[in-house]
All heavy atoms as atom14 arrays in JSON, in Angstrom:
{
  "sequence": "IFGTSGGFGTSPAYHAAKGAIRTLTKNIALHWADAGVRVNSI",
  "atom14_mask": [
    [1, 1, 1, 1, 1, 1, 1, 1, 0, 0, 0, 0, 0, 0],
    [1, 1, 1, 1, 1, 1, 1, 1, 1, 1, 1, 0, 0, 0],
    [1, 1, 1, 1, 0, 0, 0, 0, 0, 0, 0, 0, 0, 0],
    [1, 1, 1, 1, 1, 1, 1, 0, 0, 0, 0, 0, 0, 0],
    [1, 1, 1, 1, 1, 1, 0, 0, 0, 0, 0, 0, 0, 0],
    [1, 1, 1, 1, 0, 0, 0, 0, 0, 0, 0, 0, 0, 0],
    [1, 1, 1, 1, 0, 0, 0, 0, 0, 0, 0, 0, 0, 0],
    [1, 1, 1, 1, 1, 1, 1, 1, 1, 1, 1, 0, 0, 0],
    [1, 1, 1, 1, 0, 0, 0, 0, 0, 0, 0, 0, 0, 0],
    [1, 1, 1, 1, 1, 1, 1, 0, 0, 0, 0, 0, 0, 0],
    [1, 1, 1, 1, 1, 1, 0, 0, 0, 0, 0, 0, 0, 0],
    [1, 1, 1, 1, 1, 1, 1, 0, 0, 0, 0, 0, 0, 0],
    [1, 1, 1, 1, 1, 0, 0, 0, 0, 0, 0, 0, 0, 0],
    [1, 1, 1, 1, 1, 1, 1, 1, 1, 1, 1, 1, 0, 0],
    [1, 1, 1, 1, 1, 1, 1, 1, 1, 1, 0, 0, 0, 0],
    [1, 1, 1, 1, 1, 0, 0, 0, 0, 0, 0, 0, 0, 0],
    [1, 1, 1, 1, 1, 0, 0, 0, 0, 0, 0, 0, 0, 0],
    [1, 1, 1, 1, 1, 1, 1, 1, 1, 0, 0, 0, 0, 0],
    [1, 1, 1, 1, 0, 0, 0, 0, 0, 0, 0, 0, 0, 0],
    [1, 1, 1, 1, 1, 0, 0, 0, 0, 0, 0, 0, 0, 0],
    [1, 1, 1, 1, 1, 1, 1, 1, 0, 0, 0, 0, 0, 0],
    [1, 1, 1, 1, 1, 1, 1, 1, 1, 1, 1, 0, 0, 0],
    [1, 1, 1, 1, 1, 1, 1, 0, 0, 0, 0, 0, 0, 0],
    [1, 1, 1, 1, 1, 1, 1, 1, 0, 0, 0, 0, 0, 0],
    [1, 1, 1, 1, 1, 1, 1, 0, 0, 0, 0, 0, 0, 0],
    [1, 1, 1, 1, 1, 1, 1, 1, 1, 0, 0, 0, 0, 0],
    [1, 1, 1, 1, 1, 1, 1, 1, 0, 0, 0, 0, 0, 0],
    [1, 1, 1, 1, 1, 1, 1, 1, 0, 0, 0, 0, 0, 0],
    [1, 1, 1, 1, 1, 0, 0, 0, 0, 0, 0, 0, 0, 0],
    [1, 1, 1, 1, 1, 1, 1, 1, 0, 0, 0, 0, 0, 0],
    [1, 1, 1, 1, 1, 1, 1, 1, 1, 1, 0, 0, 0, 0],
    [1, 1, 1, 1, 1, 1, 1, 1, 1, 1, 1, 1, 1, 1],
    [1, 1, 1, 1, 1, 0, 0, 0, 0, 0, 0, 0, 0, 0],
    [1, 1, 1, 1, 1, 1, 1, 1, 0, 0, 0, 0, 0, 0],
    [1, 1, 1, 1, 1, 0, 0, 0, 0, 0, 0, 0, 0, 0],
    [1, 1, 1, 1, 0, 0, 0, 0, 0, 0, 0, 0, 0, 0],
    [1, 1, 1, 1, 1, 1, 1, 0, 0, 0, 0, 0, 0, 0],
    [1, 1, 1, 1, 1, 1, 1, 1, 1, 1, 1, 0, 0, 0],
    [1, 1, 1, 1, 1, 1, 1, 0, 0, 0, 0, 0, 0, 0],
    [1, 1, 1, 1, 1, 1, 1, 1, 0, 0, 0, 0, 0, 0],
    [1, 1, 1, 1, 1, 1, 0, 0, 0, 0, 0, 0, 0, 0],
    [1, 1, 1, 1, 1, 1, 1, 1, 0, 0, 0, 0, 0, 0]
  ],
  "atom14_positions": [
    [[96.22, 171.8, 102.16], [96.51, 172.16, 103.54], [95.24, 172.07, 104.37], [95.29, 171.79, 105.58], [97.11, 173.57, 103.65], [96.26, 174.6, 102.88], [98.55, 173.6, 103.18], [96.7, 176.04, 103.05], [0.0, 0.0, 0.0], [0.0, 0.0, 0.0], [0.0, 0.0, 0.0], [0.0, 0.0, 0.0], [0.0, 0.0, 0.0], [0.0, 0.0, 0.0]],
    [[94.09, 172.24, 103.73], [92.82, 172.16, 104.45], [92.35, 170.72, 104.62], [91.26, 170.49, 105.14], [91.76, 173.0, 103.75], [92.05, 174.49, 103.8], [91.49, 175.35, 102.86], [92.87, 175.03, 104.77], [91.75, 176.71, 102.91], [93.14, 176.39, 104.82], [92.57, 177.24, 103.89], [0.0, 0.0, 0.0], [0.0, 0.0, 0.0], [0.0, 0.0, 0.0]],
    [[93.16, 169.76, 104.2], [92.89, 168.38, 104.55], [93.46, 168.04, 105.91], [93.19, 166.97, 106.46], [0.0, 0.0, 0.0], [0.0, 0.0, 0.0], [0.0, 0.0, 0.0], [0.0, 0.0, 0.0], [0.0, 0.0, 0.0], [0.0, 0.0, 0.0], [0.0, 0.0, 0.0], [0.0, 0.0, 0.0], [0.0, 0.0, 0.0], [0.0, 0.0, 0.0]],
    [[94.23, 168.97, 106.47], [94.85, 168.8, 107.79], [94.44, 169.92, 108.74], [94.25, 169.7, 109.93], [96.38, 168.79, 107.65], [96.75, 167.8, 106.69], [97.05, 168.48, 108.97], [0.0, 0.0, 0.0], [0.0, 0.0, 0.0], [0.0, 0.0, 0.0], [0.0, 0.0, 0.0], [0.0, 0.0, 0.0], [0.0, 0.0, 0.0], [0.0, 0.0, 0.0]],
    [[94.31, 171.12, 108.18], [93.96, 172.3, 108.96], [92.48, 172.62, 108.83], [91.85, 172.3, 107.82], [94.79, 173.49, 108.45], [94.21, 174.72, 108.82], [0.0, 0.0, 0.0], [0.0, 0.0, 0.0], [0.0, 0.0, 0.0], [0.0, 0.0, 0.0], [0.0, 0.0, 0.0], [0.0, 0.0, 0.0], [0.0, 0.0, 0.0], [0.0, 0.0, 0.0]],
    [[91.92, 173.28, 109.85], [90.53, 173.72, 109.79], [90.31, 174.97, 108.98], [89.18, 175.43, 108.82], [0.0, 0.0, 0.0], [0.0, 0.0, 0.0], [0.0, 0.0, 0.0], [0.0, 0.0, 0.0], [0.0, 0.0, 0.0], [0.0, 0.0, 0.0], [0.0, 0.0, 0.0], [0.0, 0.0, 0.0], [0.0, 0.0, 0.0], [0.0, 0.0, 0.0]],
    [[91.42, 175.52, 108.46], [91.29, 176.68, 107.58], [90.69, 177.89, 108.26], [91.14, 178.31, 109.32], [0.0, 0.0, 0.0], [0.0, 0.0, 0.0], [0.0, 0.0, 0.0], [0.0, 0.0, 0.0], [0.0, 0.0, 0.0], [0.0, 0.0, 0.0], [0.0, 0.0, 0.0], [0.0, 0.0, 0.0], [0.0, 0.0, 0.0], [0.0, 0.0, 0.0]],
    [[89.64, 178.41, 107.65], [89.0, 179.63, 108.16], [87.64, 179.34, 108.78], [86.86, 180.25, 109.05], [88.84, 180.65, 107.02], [90.13, 180.95, 106.31], [90.29, 180.63, 104.98], [91.19, 181.56, 106.98], [91.48, 180.91, 104.32], [92.38, 181.83, 106.33], [92.53, 181.52, 105.0], [0.0, 0.0, 0.0], [0.0, 0.0, 0.0], [0.0, 0.0, 0.0]],
    [[87.34, 178.04, 108.97], [86.05, 177.69, 109.56], [84.92, 177.65, 108.56], [83.76, 177.46, 108.94], [0.0, 0.0, 0.0], [0.0, 0.0, 0.0], [0.0, 0.0, 0.0], [0.0, 0.0, 0.0], [0.0, 0.0, 0.0], [0.0, 0.0, 0.0], [0.0, 0.0, 0.0], [0.0, 0.0, 0.0], [0.0, 0.0, 0.0], [0.0, 0.0, 0.0]],
    [[85.23, 177.82, 107.28], [84.22, 177.72, 106.23], [84.51, 176.5, 105.36], [85.44, 175.75, 105.64], [84.25, 178.99, 105.35], [85.58, 179.17, 104.82], [83.88, 180.23, 106.17], [0.0, 0.0, 0.0], [0.0, 0.0, 0.0], [0.0, 0.0, 0.0], [0.0, 0.0, 0.0], [0.0, 0.0, 0.0], [0.0, 0.0, 0.0], [0.0, 0.0, 0.0]],
    [[83.71, 176.31, 104.33], [83.92, 175.22, 103.36], [83.97, 173.84, 104.01], [84.93, 173.09, 103.83], [85.21, 175.46, 102.57], [85.28, 176.77, 102.07], [0.0, 0.0, 0.0], [0.0, 0.0, 0.0], [0.0, 0.0, 0.0], [0.0, 0.0, 0.0], [0.0, 0.0, 0.0], [0.0, 0.0, 0.0], [0.0, 0.0, 0.0], [0.0, 0.0, 0.0]],
    [[82.95, 173.46, 104.77], [83.02, 172.18, 105.5], [83.14, 170.97, 104.59], [83.86, 170.02, 104.93], [81.71, 172.16, 106.3], [80.8, 173.1, 105.58], [81.68, 174.17, 105.04], [0.0, 0.0, 0.0], [0.0, 0.0, 0.0], [0.0, 0.0, 0.0], [0.0, 0.0, 0.0], [0.0, 0.0, 0.0], [0.0, 0.0, 0.0], [0.0, 0.0, 0.0]],
    [[82.46, 170.96, 103.47], [82.52, 169.8, 102.58], [83.91, 169.64, 101.98], [84.45, 168.53, 101.89], [81.48, 169.92, 101.47], [0.0, 0.0, 0.0], [0.0, 0.0, 0.0], [0.0, 0.0, 0.0], [0.0, 0.0, 0.0], [0.0, 0.0, 0.0], [0.0, 0.0, 0.0], [0.0, 0.0, 0.0], [0.0, 0.0, 0.0], [0.0, 0.0, 0.0]],
    [[84.53, 170.75, 101.59], [85.87, 170.71, 101.02], [86.87, 170.17, 102.03], [87.69, 169.29, 101.73], [86.27, 172.1, 100.56], [87.62, 172.18, 99.89], [87.75, 171.86, 98.54], [88.76, 172.57, 100.59], [88.99, 171.93, 97.9], [90.0, 172.64, 99.97], [90.1, 172.32, 98.63], [91.32, 172.39, 98.02], [0.0, 0.0, 0.0], [0.0, 0.0, 0.0]],
    [[86.81, 170.68, 103.26], [87.72, 170.22, 104.31], [87.5, 168.74, 104.61], [88.46, 167.98, 104.78], [87.52, 171.04, 105.58], [88.11, 172.41, 105.51], [87.59, 173.41, 104.71], [89.17, 172.96, 106.14], [88.31, 174.51, 104.85], [89.28, 174.26, 105.71], [0.0, 0.0, 0.0], [0.0, 0.0, 0.0], [0.0, 0.0, 0.0], [0.0, 0.0, 0.0]],
    [[86.24, 168.33, 104.69], [85.94, 166.93, 104.98], [86.49, 166.02, 103.89], [87.08, 164.96, 104.16], [84.44, 166.73, 105.12], [0.0, 0.0, 0.0], [0.0, 0.0, 0.0], [0.0, 0.0, 0.0], [0.0, 0.0, 0.0], [0.0, 0.0, 0.0], [0.0, 0.0, 0.0], [0.0, 0.0, 0.0], [0.0, 0.0, 0.0], [0.0, 0.0, 0.0]],
    [[86.31, 166.42, 102.63], [86.77, 165.61, 101.5], [88.29, 165.53, 101.47], [88.87, 164.45, 101.29], [86.24, 166.18, 100.19], [0.0, 0.0, 0.0], [0.0, 0.0, 0.0], [0.0, 0.0, 0.0], [0.0, 0.0, 0.0], [0.0, 0.0, 0.0], [0.0, 0.0, 0.0], [0.0, 0.0, 0.0], [0.0, 0.0, 0.0], [0.0, 0.0, 0.0]],
    [[88.95, 166.66, 101.64], [90.42, 166.67, 101.57], [91.04, 165.93, 102.75], [92.09, 165.3, 102.63], [90.94, 168.11, 101.49], [90.55, 168.83, 100.2], [91.09, 168.12, 98.97], [90.84, 168.91, 97.7], [91.4, 168.24, 96.49], [0.0, 0.0, 0.0], [0.0, 0.0, 0.0], [0.0, 0.0, 0.0], [0.0, 0.0, 0.0], [0.0, 0.0, 0.0]],
    [[90.38, 165.99, 103.9], [90.84, 165.22, 105.05], [90.68, 163.73, 104.81], [91.55, 162.92, 105.18], [0.0, 0.0, 0.0], [0.0, 0.0, 0.0], [0.0, 0.0, 0.0], [0.0, 0.0, 0.0], [0.0, 0.0, 0.0], [0.0, 0.0, 0.0], [0.0, 0.0, 0.0], [0.0, 0.0, 0.0], [0.0, 0.0, 0.0], [0.0, 0.0, 0.0]],
    [[89.59, 163.36, 104.17], [89.37, 161.95, 103.84], [90.42, 161.44, 102.86], [90.9, 160.31, 102.98], [87.97, 161.76, 103.26], [0.0, 0.0, 0.0], [0.0, 0.0, 0.0], [0.0, 0.0, 0.0], [0.0, 0.0, 0.0], [0.0, 0.0, 0.0], [0.0, 0.0, 0.0], [0.0, 0.0, 0.0], [0.0, 0.0, 0.0], [0.0, 0.0, 0.0]],
    [[90.8, 162.27, 101.89], [91.83, 161.88, 100.94], [93.14, 161.59, 101.67], [93.85, 160.62, 101.35], [92.05, 162.98, 99.89], [90.84, 163.08, 98.96], [93.32, 162.73, 99.08], [90.87, 164.28, 98.04], [0.0, 0.0, 0.0], [0.0, 0.0, 0.0], [0.0, 0.0, 0.0], [0.0, 0.0, 0.0], [0.0, 0.0, 0.0], [0.0, 0.0, 0.0]],
    [[93.45, 162.42, 102.63], [94.7, 162.24, 103.4], [94.76, 160.86, 104.04], [95.76, 160.16, 103.95], [94.78, 163.33, 104.46], [95.99, 163.25, 105.37], [95.88, 164.31, 106.45], [97.03, 164.28, 107.34], [96.95, 164.37, 108.67], [95.78, 164.49, 109.26], [98.03, 164.34, 109.41], [0.0, 0.0, 0.0], [0.0, 0.0, 0.0], [0.0, 0.0, 0.0]],
    [[93.68, 160.45, 104.69], [93.67, 159.16, 105.37], [93.48, 158.0, 104.41], [94.1, 156.93, 104.57], [92.57, 159.14, 106.45], [92.73, 160.27, 107.31], [92.63, 157.88, 107.28], [0.0, 0.0, 0.0], [0.0, 0.0, 0.0], [0.0, 0.0, 0.0], [0.0, 0.0, 0.0], [0.0, 0.0, 0.0], [0.0, 0.0, 0.0], [0.0, 0.0, 0.0]],
    [[92.64, 158.18, 103.39], [92.43, 157.13, 102.4], [93.75, 156.8, 101.7], [94.04, 155.63, 101.42], [91.38, 157.58, 101.38], [91.06, 156.59, 100.25], [90.48, 155.29, 100.82], [90.09, 157.22, 99.25], [0.0, 0.0, 0.0], [0.0, 0.0, 0.0], [0.0, 0.0, 0.0], [0.0, 0.0, 0.0], [0.0, 0.0, 0.0], [0.0, 0.0, 0.0]],
    [[94.55, 157.82, 101.44], [95.85, 157.61, 100.81], [96.7, 156.65, 101.64], [97.32, 155.71, 101.12], [96.59, 158.95, 100.65], [95.87, 159.77, 99.73], [98.01, 158.76, 100.16], [0.0, 0.0, 0.0], [0.0, 0.0, 0.0], [0.0, 0.0, 0.0], [0.0, 0.0, 0.0], [0.0, 0.0, 0.0], [0.0, 0.0, 0.0], [0.0, 0.0, 0.0]],
    [[96.76, 156.87, 102.94], [97.55, 156.01, 103.81], [96.98, 154.6, 103.85], [97.74, 153.61, 103.87], [97.61, 156.62, 105.21], [98.29, 157.98, 105.25], [98.27, 158.55, 106.66], [98.8, 159.98, 106.67], [100.19, 160.08, 106.16], [0.0, 0.0, 0.0], [0.0, 0.0, 0.0], [0.0, 0.0, 0.0], [0.0, 0.0, 0.0], [0.0, 0.0, 0.0]],
    [[95.67, 154.49, 103.87], [95.02, 153.18, 103.92], [95.36, 152.34, 102.69], [95.74, 151.17, 102.81], [93.51, 153.39, 104.04], [92.73, 152.09, 104.01], [92.23, 151.7, 102.96], [92.62, 151.43, 105.15], [0.0, 0.0, 0.0], [0.0, 0.0, 0.0], [0.0, 0.0, 0.0], [0.0, 0.0, 0.0], [0.0, 0.0, 0.0], [0.0, 0.0, 0.0]],
    [[95.26, 152.94, 101.52], [95.54, 152.2, 100.29], [97.05, 151.98, 100.13], [97.48, 150.96, 99.58], [94.94, 152.9, 99.07], [93.44, 153.19, 99.29], [95.12, 152.04, 97.81], [92.62, 151.97, 99.66], [0.0, 0.0, 0.0], [0.0, 0.0, 0.0], [0.0, 0.0, 0.0], [0.0, 0.0, 0.0], [0.0, 0.0, 0.0], [0.0, 0.0, 0.0]],
    [[97.86, 152.91, 100.62], [99.31, 152.72, 100.58], [99.71, 151.46, 101.34], [100.57, 150.68, 100.89], [100.02, 153.94, 101.15], [0.0, 0.0, 0.0], [0.0, 0.0, 0.0], [0.0, 0.0, 0.0], [0.0, 0.0, 0.0], [0.0, 0.0, 0.0], [0.0, 0.0, 0.0], [0.0, 0.0, 0.0], [0.0, 0.0, 0.0], [0.0, 0.0, 0.0]],
    [[99.1, 151.24, 102.49], [99.39, 150.04, 103.27], [98.89, 148.78, 102.55], [99.57, 147.76, 102.52], [98.76, 150.15, 104.65], [99.36, 151.22, 105.57], [98.55, 151.33, 106.85], [100.81, 150.9, 105.89], [0.0, 0.0, 0.0], [0.0, 0.0, 0.0], [0.0, 0.0, 0.0], [0.0, 0.0, 0.0], [0.0, 0.0, 0.0], [0.0, 0.0, 0.0]],
    [[97.7, 148.88, 101.98], [97.12, 147.73, 101.28], [97.97, 147.32, 100.08], [98.12, 146.12, 99.8], [95.7, 148.08, 100.84], [95.0, 147.01, 100.09], [94.86, 145.73, 100.57], [94.4, 147.02, 98.85], [94.2, 144.98, 99.69], [93.93, 145.75, 98.64], [0.0, 0.0, 0.0], [0.0, 0.0, 0.0], [0.0, 0.0, 0.0], [0.0, 0.0, 0.0]],
    [[98.54, 148.31, 99.38], [99.3, 148.02, 98.16], [100.82, 148.03, 98.38], [101.59, 147.95, 97.42], [98.95, 149.04, 97.08], [97.61, 148.8, 96.44], [96.84, 147.69, 96.51], [96.88, 149.73, 95.62], [95.69, 147.84, 95.79], [95.68, 149.09, 95.22], [97.13, 151.03, 95.18], [94.73, 149.72, 94.41], [96.18, 151.66, 94.37], [95.0, 151.0, 93.98]],
    [[101.26, 148.11, 99.62], [102.7, 148.25, 99.9], [103.52, 147.1, 99.33], [104.66, 147.3, 98.92], [102.93, 148.38, 101.4], [0.0, 0.0, 0.0], [0.0, 0.0, 0.0], [0.0, 0.0, 0.0], [0.0, 0.0, 0.0], [0.0, 0.0, 0.0], [0.0, 0.0, 0.0], [0.0, 0.0, 0.0], [0.0, 0.0, 0.0], [0.0, 0.0, 0.0]],
    [[102.96, 145.9, 99.3], [103.7, 144.76, 98.78], [103.22, 144.38, 97.38], [103.55, 143.29, 96.88], [103.59, 143.56, 99.72], [102.17, 143.08, 99.91], [101.23, 143.75, 99.4], [101.97, 142.05, 100.58], [0.0, 0.0, 0.0], [0.0, 0.0, 0.0], [0.0, 0.0, 0.0], [0.0, 0.0, 0.0], [0.0, 0.0, 0.0], [0.0, 0.0, 0.0]],
    [[102.47, 145.27, 96.75], [101.94, 145.0, 95.4], [102.62, 145.86, 94.35], [102.21, 145.86, 93.19], [100.44, 145.24, 95.37], [0.0, 0.0, 0.0], [0.0, 0.0, 0.0], [0.0, 0.0, 0.0], [0.0, 0.0, 0.0], [0.0, 0.0, 0.0], [0.0, 0.0, 0.0], [0.0, 0.0, 0.0], [0.0, 0.0, 0.0], [0.0, 0.0, 0.0]],
    [[103.66, 146.59, 94.76], [104.39, 147.39, 93.79], [103.74, 148.7, 93.42], [104.09, 149.3, 92.4], [0.0, 0.0, 0.0], [0.0, 0.0, 0.0], [0.0, 0.0, 0.0], [0.0, 0.0, 0.0], [0.0, 0.0, 0.0], [0.0, 0.0, 0.0], [0.0, 0.0, 0.0], [0.0, 0.0, 0.0], [0.0, 0.0, 0.0], [0.0, 0.0, 0.0]],
    [[102.8, 149.17, 94.24], [102.11, 150.44, 93.95], [102.29, 151.37, 95.14], [101.93, 151.03, 96.27], [100.61, 150.23, 93.69], [99.94, 151.56, 93.34], [100.38, 149.21, 92.58], [0.0, 0.0, 0.0], [0.0, 0.0, 0.0], [0.0, 0.0, 0.0], [0.0, 0.0, 0.0], [0.0, 0.0, 0.0], [0.0, 0.0, 0.0], [0.0, 0.0, 0.0]],
    [[102.87, 152.53, 94.88], [103.04, 153.55, 95.92], [101.91, 154.57, 95.85], [101.47, 154.95, 94.76], [104.39, 154.26, 95.76], [105.58, 153.32, 95.91], [106.9, 154.02, 95.7], [107.05, 154.57, 94.35], [106.83, 155.83, 94.02], [106.51, 156.73, 94.93], [106.99, 156.24, 92.77], [0.0, 0.0, 0.0], [0.0, 0.0, 0.0], [0.0, 0.0, 0.0]],
    [[101.43, 155.01, 97.01], [100.3, 155.95, 97.08], [100.66, 157.07, 98.05], [100.94, 156.81, 99.22], [99.01, 155.24, 97.54], [97.81, 156.18, 97.41], [98.78, 153.95, 96.76], [0.0, 0.0, 0.0], [0.0, 0.0, 0.0], [0.0, 0.0, 0.0], [0.0, 0.0, 0.0], [0.0, 0.0, 0.0], [0.0, 0.0, 0.0], [0.0, 0.0, 0.0]],
    [[100.68, 158.29, 97.56], [101.03, 159.45, 98.38], [100.07, 160.61, 98.13], [99.4, 160.65, 97.09], [102.46, 159.9, 98.06], [103.49, 158.86, 98.44], [103.79, 158.65, 99.61], [104.05, 158.17, 97.44], [0.0, 0.0, 0.0], [0.0, 0.0, 0.0], [0.0, 0.0, 0.0], [0.0, 0.0, 0.0], [0.0, 0.0, 0.0], [0.0, 0.0, 0.0]],
    [[100.02, 161.52, 99.07], [99.18, 162.71, 98.89], [100.04, 163.97, 98.9], [101.06, 164.05, 99.59], [98.11, 162.8, 99.98], [98.69, 162.88, 101.28], [0.0, 0.0, 0.0], [0.0, 0.0, 0.0], [0.0, 0.0, 0.0], [0.0, 0.0, 0.0], [0.0, 0.0, 0.0], [0.0, 0.0, 0.0], [0.0, 0.0, 0.0], [0.0, 0.0, 0.0]],
    [[99.62, 164.93, 98.1], [100.25, 166.26, 98.08], [99.24, 167.26, 98.62], [98.05, 167.21, 98.29], [100.7, 166.63, 96.66], [101.9, 165.8, 96.26], [101.02, 168.13, 96.56], [102.43, 166.09, 94.87], [0.0, 0.0, 0.0], [0.0, 0.0, 0.0], [0.0, 0.0, 0.0], [0.0, 0.0, 0.0], [0.0, 0.0, 0.0], [0.0, 0.0, 0.0]]
  ]
}
């Protein structure tokens, strides 16, 4: 949830990393969409 929300204003590295995972997931999902590989984030 802290990949989308700012949480409590602490843990900047954790939030930055989890936010990056959120967008990276979408980027690779598009790249592999016609390659038979699905990519999602929880």
